[in-house]
């Protein structure tokens, strides 16, 4: 096996080991059948890493930064967002598995497992936070425009860093309440919206 192939296998082994921890972490954050699906995928990713390890003779440590990064995204944007993000990177990995079949016979079975993962994950795309993504984007967008502009003005007008920070905090707090209230009233008048208070909370938190 040439060095180029071995390098790719090492990279896939590290990726499988890291995704094992990510899926495990996600499975512990939700309940029900989806948690069982993620736990199963996590176990299979660990098994795949062990298969690649037979060829590399190594046991690399998972990327703690990547695990932390996806954990943070799950907290902020929700598990569905993270699953979609991870799934977008699976396509390239699946191509690597199929192209290494001549060197690694197990690559075909791993490739089939990854395809099964994709189908299982697609069926899971239904999360409350995703239904309120428009409210979150509204809060983020408004904060970027209004709060950033206000802080820029305070910086030019005020000389004290403490005063600027305090003025920014007061402005941000008041604007958060204002945005949340506006979103609540807007959703309250929408006959298709069952939980206007939740939409207001997501907008306020995003802001």
C-alpha atoms as a PDB file:
ATOM      1  CA  UNK A   1       0.000   0.000   0.000  1.00  0.00           C
ATOM      2  CA  UNK A   2       1.553   3.301  -1.106  1.00  0.00           C
ATOM      3  CA  UNK A   3       2.017   6.313   1.160  1.00  0.00           C
ATOM      4  CA  UNK A   4      -0.693   8.329  -0.565  1.00  0.00           C
ATOM      5  CA  UNK A   5      -3.314   5.675   0.164  1.00  0.00           C
ATOM      6  CA  UNK A   6      -2.061   5.275   3.724  1.00  0.00           C
ATOM      7  CA  UNK A   7      -2.335   9.026   4.275  1.00  0.00           C
ATOM      8  CA  UNK A   8      -5.961   9.000   3.141  1.00  0.00           C
ATOM      9  CA  UNK A   9      -6.734   6.035   5.404  1.00  0.00           C
ATOM     10  CA  UNK A  10      -5.175   7.804   8.404  1.00  0.00           C
ATOM     11  CA  UNK A  11      -7.325  10.851   7.687  1.00  0.00           C
ATOM     12  CA  UNK A  12     -10.485   8.737   7.431  1.00  0.00           C
ATOM     13  CA  UNK A  13      -9.604   6.918  10.646  1.00  0.00           C
ATOM     14  CA  UNK A  14      -9.238  10.219  12.509  1.00  0.00           C
ATOM     15  CA  UNK A  15     -12.491  11.455  11.008  1.00  0.00           C
ATOM     16  CA  UNK A  16     -14.376   8.296  12.046  1.00  0.00           C
ATOM     17  CA  UNK A  17     -12.990   8.481  15.591  1.00  0.00           C
ATOM     18  CA  UNK A  18     -14.006  12.123  15.879  1.00  0.00           C
ATOM     19  CA  UNK A  19     -17.495  11.566  14.464  1.00  0.00           C
ATOM     20  CA  UNK A  20     -17.955   8.704  16.920  1.00  0.00           C
ATOM     21  CA  UNK A  21     -17.682  11.217  19.787  1.00  0.00           C
ATOM     22  CA  UNK A  22     -19.805  13.839  18.016  1.00  0.00           C
ATOM     23  CA  UNK A  23     -22.691  11.452  17.361  1.00  0.00           C
ATOM     24  CA  UNK A  24     -22.395  10.101  20.899  1.00  0.00           C
ATOM     25  CA  UNK A  25     -22.630  13.621  22.286  1.00  0.00           C
ATOM     26  CA  UNK A  26     -25.656  14.386  20.093  1.00  0.00           C
ATOM     27  CA  UNK A  27     -27.402  11.163  21.136  1.00  0.00           C
ATOM     28  CA  UNK A  28     -27.115  12.216  24.784  1.00  0.00           C
ATOM     29  CA  UNK A  29     -28.809  15.555  24.070  1.00  0.00           C
ATOM     30  CA  UNK A  30     -32.075  14.164  22.694  1.00  0.00           C
ATOM     31  CA  UNK A  31     -34.539  11.453  23.632  1.00  0.00           C
ATOM     32  CA  UNK A  32     -36.585   8.800  21.901  1.00  0.00           C
ATOM     33  CA  UNK A  33     -35.914   6.946  18.664  1.00  0.00           C
ATOM     34  CA  UNK A  34     -33.620   9.668  17.304  1.00  0.00           C
ATOM     35  CA  UNK A  35     -31.275   9.213  20.266  1.00  0.00           C
ATOM     36  CA  UNK A  36     -31.126   5.464  19.563  1.00  0.00           C
ATOM     37  CA  UNK A  37     -30.335   6.133  15.881  1.00  0.00           C
ATOM     38  CA  UNK A  38     -27.497   8.513  16.751  1.00  0.00           C
ATOM     39  CA  UNK A  39     -26.111   6.105  19.365  1.00  0.00           C
ATOM     40  CA  UNK A  40     -26.087   3.304  16.787  1.00  0.00           C
ATOM     41  CA  UNK A  41     -24.327   5.513  14.241  1.00  0.00           C
ATOM     42  CA  UNK A  42     -21.790   6.492  16.903  1.00  0.00           C
ATOM     43  CA  UNK A  43     -21.020   2.824  17.626  1.00  0.00           C
ATOM     44  CA  UNK A  44     -20.617   2.087  13.908  1.00  0.00           C
ATOM     45  CA  UNK A  45     -18.262   5.047  13.448  1.00  0.00           C
ATOM     46  CA  UNK A  46     -16.130   3.651  16.268  1.00  0.00           C
ATOM     47  CA  UNK A  47     -16.119   0.254  14.546  1.00  0.00           C
ATOM     48  CA  UNK A  48     -15.059   1.870  11.264  1.00  0.00           C
ATOM     49  CA  UNK A  49     -12.176   3.658  12.982  1.00  0.00           C
ATOM     50  CA  UNK A  50     -11.017   0.310  14.387  1.00  0.00           C
ATOM     51  CA  UNK A  51     -11.106  -1.229  10.893  1.00  0.00           C
ATOM     52  CA  UNK A  52      -8.915   1.533   9.491  1.00  0.00           C
ATOM     53  CA  UNK A  53      -6.653   1.089  12.525  1.00  0.00           C
ATOM     54  CA  UNK A  54      -5.807  -2.439  11.425  1.00  0.00           C
ATOM     55  CA  UNK A  55      -4.088  -0.930   8.382  1.00  0.00           C
ATOM     56  CA  UNK A  56      -2.497   2.118  10.002  1.00  0.00           C
ATOM     57  CA  UNK A  57      -1.442   0.356  13.201  1.00  0.00           C
ATOM     58  CA  UNK A  58      -2.296   3.566  15.028  1.00  0.00           C
ATOM     59  CA  UNK A  59      -5.003   4.814  17.382  1.00  0.00           C
ATOM     60  CA  UNK A  60      -5.206   8.605  16.896  1.00  0.00           C
ATOM     61  CA  UNK A  61      -6.896  10.848  19.434  1.00  0.00           C
ATOM     62  CA  UNK A  62     -10.129  12.414  18.146  1.00  0.00           C
ATOM     63  CA  UNK A  63     -10.109  16.119  17.367  1.00  0.00           C
ATOM     64  CA  UNK A  64     -11.326  17.724  20.606  1.00  0.00           C
ATOM     65  CA  UNK A  65     -11.681  21.071  18.831  1.00  0.00           C
ATOM     66  CA  UNK A  66     -14.028  19.593  16.219  1.00  0.00           C
ATOM     67  CA  UNK A  67     -16.102  17.871  18.916  1.00  0.00           C
ATOM     68  CA  UNK A  68     -16.362  21.134  20.868  1.00  0.00           C
ATOM     69  CA  UNK A  69     -17.189  23.056  17.671  1.00  0.00           C
ATOM     70  CA  UNK A  70     -20.112  20.805  16.755  1.00  0.00           C
ATOM     71  CA  UNK A  71     -21.296  20.737  20.373  1.00  0.00           C
ATOM     72  CA  UNK A  72     -21.395  24.532  20.372  1.00  0.00           C
ATOM     73  CA  UNK A  73     -23.302  24.577  17.060  1.00  0.00           C
ATOM     74  CA  UNK A  74     -25.820  22.103  18.485  1.00  0.00           C
ATOM     75  CA  UNK A  75     -26.416  24.368  21.486  1.00  0.00           C
ATOM     76  CA  UNK A  76     -26.819  27.518  19.393  1.00  0.00           C
ATOM     77  CA  UNK A  77     -28.496  26.291  16.195  1.00  0.00           C
ATOM     78  CA  UNK A  78     -29.885  22.907  17.187  1.00  0.00           C
ATOM     79  CA  UNK A  79     -29.077  19.274  16.468  1.00  0.00           C
ATOM     80  CA  UNK A  80     -30.810  19.302  13.077  1.00  0.00           C
ATOM     81  CA  UNK A  81     -28.449  22.019  11.853  1.00  0.00           C
ATOM     82  CA  UNK A  82     -25.417  20.010  12.999  1.00  0.00           C
ATOM     83  CA  UNK A  83     -26.707  16.822  11.368  1.00  0.00           C
ATOM     84  CA  UNK A  84     -27.189  18.646   8.063  1.00  0.00           C
ATOM     85  CA  UNK A  85     -23.708  20.151   8.331  1.00  0.00           C
ATOM     86  CA  UNK A  86     -22.088  16.801   9.045  1.00  0.00           C
ATOM     87  CA  UNK A  87     -24.060  15.084   6.304  1.00  0.00           C
ATOM     88  CA  UNK A  88     -22.786  17.605   3.750  1.00  0.00           C
ATOM     89  CA  UNK A  89     -19.283  16.289   4.418  1.00  0.00           C
ATOM     90  CA  UNK A  90     -20.262  12.635   4.141  1.00  0.00           C
ATOM     91  CA  UNK A  91     -20.448  12.704   0.330  1.00  0.00           C
ATOM     92  CA  UNK A  92     -16.717  13.229  -0.082  1.00  0.00           C
ATOM     93  CA  UNK A  93     -15.991  10.564   2.529  1.00  0.00           C
ATOM     94  CA  UNK A  94     -18.187   8.042   0.723  1.00  0.00           C
ATOM     95  CA  UNK A  95     -16.232   8.641  -2.492  1.00  0.00           C
ATOM     96  CA  UNK A  96     -13.000   7.923  -0.602  1.00  0.00           C
ATOM     97  CA  UNK A  97     -14.422   4.657   0.745  1.00  0.00           C
ATOM     98  CA  UNK A  98     -15.472   3.393  -2.689  1.00  0.00           C
ATOM     99  CA  UNK A  99     -12.159   4.402  -4.284  1.00  0.00           C
ATOM    100  CA  UNK A 100     -10.146   2.464  -1.649  1.00  0.00           C
ATOM    101  CA  UNK A 101     -12.004  -0.826  -2.171  1.00  0.00           C
ATOM    102  CA  UNK A 102      -9.074  -2.380  -4.047  1.00  0.00           C
ATOM    103  CA  UNK A 103      -6.660  -1.707  -1.191  1.00  0.00           C
ATOM    104  CA  UNK A 104      -9.065  -2.211   1.704  1.00  0.00           C
ATOM    105  CA  UNK A 105     -11.746  -4.902   1.171  1.00  0.00           C
ATOM    106  CA  UNK A 106     -13.748  -3.634   4.168  1.00  0.00           C
ATOM    107  CA  UNK A 107     -14.176  -0.238   2.483  1.00  0.00           C
ATOM    108  CA  UNK A 108     -17.265  -1.453   0.611  1.00  0.00           C
ATOM    109  CA  UNK A 109     -19.076  -2.428   3.824  1.00  0.00           C
ATOM    110  CA  UNK A 110     -18.112   0.895   5.397  1.00  0.00           C
ATOM    111  CA  UNK A 111     -19.396   2.680   2.314  1.00  0.00           C
ATOM    112  CA  UNK A 112     -22.749   0.888   2.613  1.00  0.00           C
ATOM    113  CA  UNK A 113     -22.914   1.798   6.316  1.00  0.00           C
ATOM    114  CA  UNK A 114     -22.355   5.447   5.469  1.00  0.00           C
ATOM    115  CA  UNK A 115     -25.169   5.339   2.929  1.00  0.00           C
ATOM    116  CA  UNK A 116     -27.451   3.848   5.596  1.00  0.00           C
ATOM    117  CA  UNK A 117     -26.367   6.629   7.961  1.00  0.00           C
ATOM    118  CA  UNK A 118     -27.373   9.212   5.384  1.00  0.00           C
ATOM    119  CA  UNK A 119     -30.860   7.721   5.008  1.00  0.00           C
ATOM    120  CA  UNK A 120     -31.328   7.511   8.788  1.00  0.00           C
ATOM    121  CA  UNK A 121     -30.195  11.081   9.351  1.00  0.00           C
ATOM    122  CA  UNK A 122     -32.415  12.503   6.615  1.00  0.00           C
ATOM    123  CA  UNK A 123     -35.461  10.972   8.336  1.00  0.00           C
ATOM    124  CA  UNK A 124     -34.500  12.768  11.562  1.00  0.00           C
ATOM    125  CA  UNK A 125     -34.675  16.283  10.130  1.00  0.00           C
ATOM    126  CA  UNK A 126     -37.512  17.592  12.263  1.00  0.00           C
ATOM    127  CA  UNK A 127     -36.654  19.775  15.234  1.00  0.00           C
ATOM    128  CA  UNK A 128     -38.482  22.581  16.985  1.00  0.00           C
ATOM    129  CA  UNK A 129     -35.558  24.967  16.645  1.00  0.00           C
ATOM    130  CA  UNK A 130     -35.559  24.471  12.878  1.00  0.00           C
ATOM    131  CA  UNK A 131     -39.188  25.589  12.713  1.00  0.00           C
ATOM    132  CA  UNK A 132     -38.201  28.851  14.382  1.00  0.00           C
ATOM    133  CA  UNK A 133     -35.090  29.478  12.294  1.00  0.00           C
ATOM    134  CA  UNK A 134     -36.727  32.540  10.712  1.00  0.00           C
ATOM    135  CA  UNK A 135     -37.185  34.073  14.163  1.00  0.00           C
ATOM    136  CA  UNK A 136     -33.537  33.362  15.022  1.00  0.00           C
ATOM    137  CA  UNK A 137     -32.307  34.883  11.759  1.00  0.00           C
ATOM    138  CA  UNK A 138     -34.464  37.952  12.412  1.00  0.00           C
ATOM    139  CA  UNK A 139     -32.832  38.449  15.801  1.00  0.00           C
ATOM    140  CA  UNK A 140     -29.309  37.888  14.491  1.00  0.00           C
ATOM    141  CA  UNK A 141     -29.778  40.185  11.514  1.00  0.00           C
ATOM    142  CA  UNK A 142     -31.256  42.989  13.586  1.00  0.00           C
ATOM    143  CA  UNK A 143     -28.513  42.711  16.187  1.00  0.00           C
ATOM    144  CA  UNK A 144     -25.768  42.858  13.563  1.00  0.00           C
ATOM    145  CA  UNK A 145     -27.210  46.037  12.056  1.00  0.00           C
ATOM    146  CA  UNK A 146     -28.553  47.947  15.047  1.00  0.00           C
ATOM    147  CA  UNK A 147     -26.254  46.955  17.893  1.00  0.00           C
ATOM    148  CA  UNK A 148     -23.090  47.146  15.814  1.00  0.00           C
ATOM    149  CA  UNK A 149     -24.087  50.599  14.563  1.00  0.00           C
ATOM    150  CA  UNK A 150     -24.900  51.758  18.087  1.00  0.00           C
ATOM    151  CA  UNK A 151     -21.575  50.532  19.458  1.00  0.00           C
ATOM    152  CA  UNK A 152     -19.712  52.251  16.642  1.00  0.00           C
ATOM    153  CA  UNK A 153     -21.479  55.516  17.494  1.00  0.00           C
ATOM    154  CA  UNK A 154     -20.782  55.127  21.215  1.00  0.00           C
ATOM    155  CA  UNK A 155     -17.115  54.506  20.478  1.00  0.00           C
ATOM    156  CA  UNK A 156     -16.775  57.802  18.598  1.00  0.00           C
ATOM    157  CA  UNK A 157     -18.934  59.813  21.011  1.00  0.00           C
ATOM    158  CA  UNK A 158     -17.763  58.477  24.373  1.00  0.00           C
ATOM    159  CA  UNK A 159     -14.237  58.365  25.661  1.00  0.00           C
ATOM    160  CA  UNK A 160     -14.509  55.767  28.411  1.00  0.00           C
ATOM    161  CA  UNK A 161     -14.428  52.064  27.597  1.00  0.00           C
ATOM    162  CA  UNK A 162     -16.527  51.313  30.680  1.00  0.00           C
ATOM    163  CA  UNK A 163     -19.151  53.855  29.625  1.00  0.00           C
ATOM    164  CA  UNK A 164     -19.252  52.422  26.096  1.00  0.00           C
ATOM    165  CA  UNK A 165     -19.704  48.894  27.472  1.00  0.00           C
ATOM    166  CA  UNK A 166     -22.460  49.991  29.829  1.00  0.00           C
ATOM    167  CA  UNK A 167     -24.270  51.933  27.090  1.00  0.00           C
ATOM    168  CA  UNK A 168     -23.985  48.936  24.758  1.00  0.00           C
ATOM    169  CA  UNK A 169     -25.351  46.587  27.420  1.00  0.00           C
ATOM    170  CA  UNK A 170     -28.327  48.839  28.129  1.00  0.00           C
ATOM    171  CA  UNK A 171     -29.028  49.315  24.418  1.00  0.00           C
ATOM    172  CA  UNK A 172     -28.747  45.580  23.735  1.00  0.00           C
ATOM    173  CA  UNK A 173     -31.017  44.654  26.647  1.00  0.00           C
ATOM    174  CA  UNK A 174     -33.692  47.161  25.628  1.00  0.00           C
ATOM    175  CA  UNK A 175     -33.506  46.113  21.957  1.00  0.00           C
ATOM    176  CA  UNK A 176     -33.746  42.427  22.921  1.00  0.00           C
ATOM    177  CA  UNK A 177     -36.996  43.032  24.795  1.00  0.00           C
ATOM    178  CA  UNK A 178     -38.276  45.186  21.943  1.00  0.00           C
ATOM    179  CA  UNK A 179     -37.460  42.588  19.267  1.00  0.00           C
ATOM    180  CA  UNK A 180     -38.972  39.756  21.323  1.00  0.00           C
ATOM    181  CA  UNK A 181     -42.161  41.741  21.915  1.00  0.00           C
ATOM    182  CA  UNK A 182     -42.448  42.637  18.228  1.00  0.00           C
ATOM    183  CA  UNK A 183     -41.984  39.023  17.164  1.00  0.00           C
ATOM    184  CA  UNK A 184     -44.575  37.894  19.714  1.00  0.00           C
ATOM    185  CA  UNK A 185     -47.176  40.338  18.398  1.00  0.00           C
ATOM    186  CA  UNK A 186     -46.354  39.409  14.816  1.00  0.00           C
ATOM    187  CA  UNK A 187     -46.723  35.656  15.431  1.00  0.00           C
ATOM    188  CA  UNK A 188     -49.775  36.216  17.627  1.00  0.00           C
ATOM    189  CA  UNK A 189     -51.647  37.515  14.596  1.00  0.00           C
ATOM    190  CA  UNK A 190     -50.540  34.577  12.437  1.00  0.00           C
ATOM    191  CA  UNK A 191     -53.299  31.928  12.406  1.00  0.00           C
ATOM    192  CA  UNK A 192     -50.776  29.217  11.501  1.00  0.00           C
ATOM    193  CA  UNK A 193     -48.544  29.938  14.501  1.00  0.00           C
ATOM    194  CA  UNK A 194     -49.400  27.930  17.615  1.00  0.00           C
ATOM    195  CA  UNK A 195     -46.613  29.131  19.904  1.00  0.00           C
ATOM    196  CA  UNK A 196     -45.930  32.875  19.461  1.00  0.00           C
ATOM    197  CA  UNK A 197     -44.149  33.036  22.822  1.00  0.00           C
ATOM    198  CA  UNK A 198     -41.565  30.470  21.676  1.00  0.00           C
ATOM    199  CA  UNK A 199     -40.907  32.491  18.522  1.00  0.00           C
ATOM    200  CA  UNK A 200     -40.392  35.594  20.671  1.00  0.00           C
ATOM    201  CA  UNK A 201     -37.979  33.753  22.972  1.00  0.00           C
ATOM    202  CA  UNK A 202     -35.906  32.445  20.046  1.00  0.00           C
ATOM    203  CA  UNK A 203     -35.719  35.947  18.568  1.00  0.00           C
ATOM    204  CA  UNK A 204     -34.668  37.453  21.877  1.00  0.00           C
ATOM    205  CA  UNK A 205     -32.011  34.813  22.546  1.00  0.00           C
ATOM    206  CA  UNK A 206     -30.612  35.149  19.024  1.00  0.00           C
ATOM    207  CA  UNK A 207     -30.420  38.914  19.431  1.00  0.00           C
END
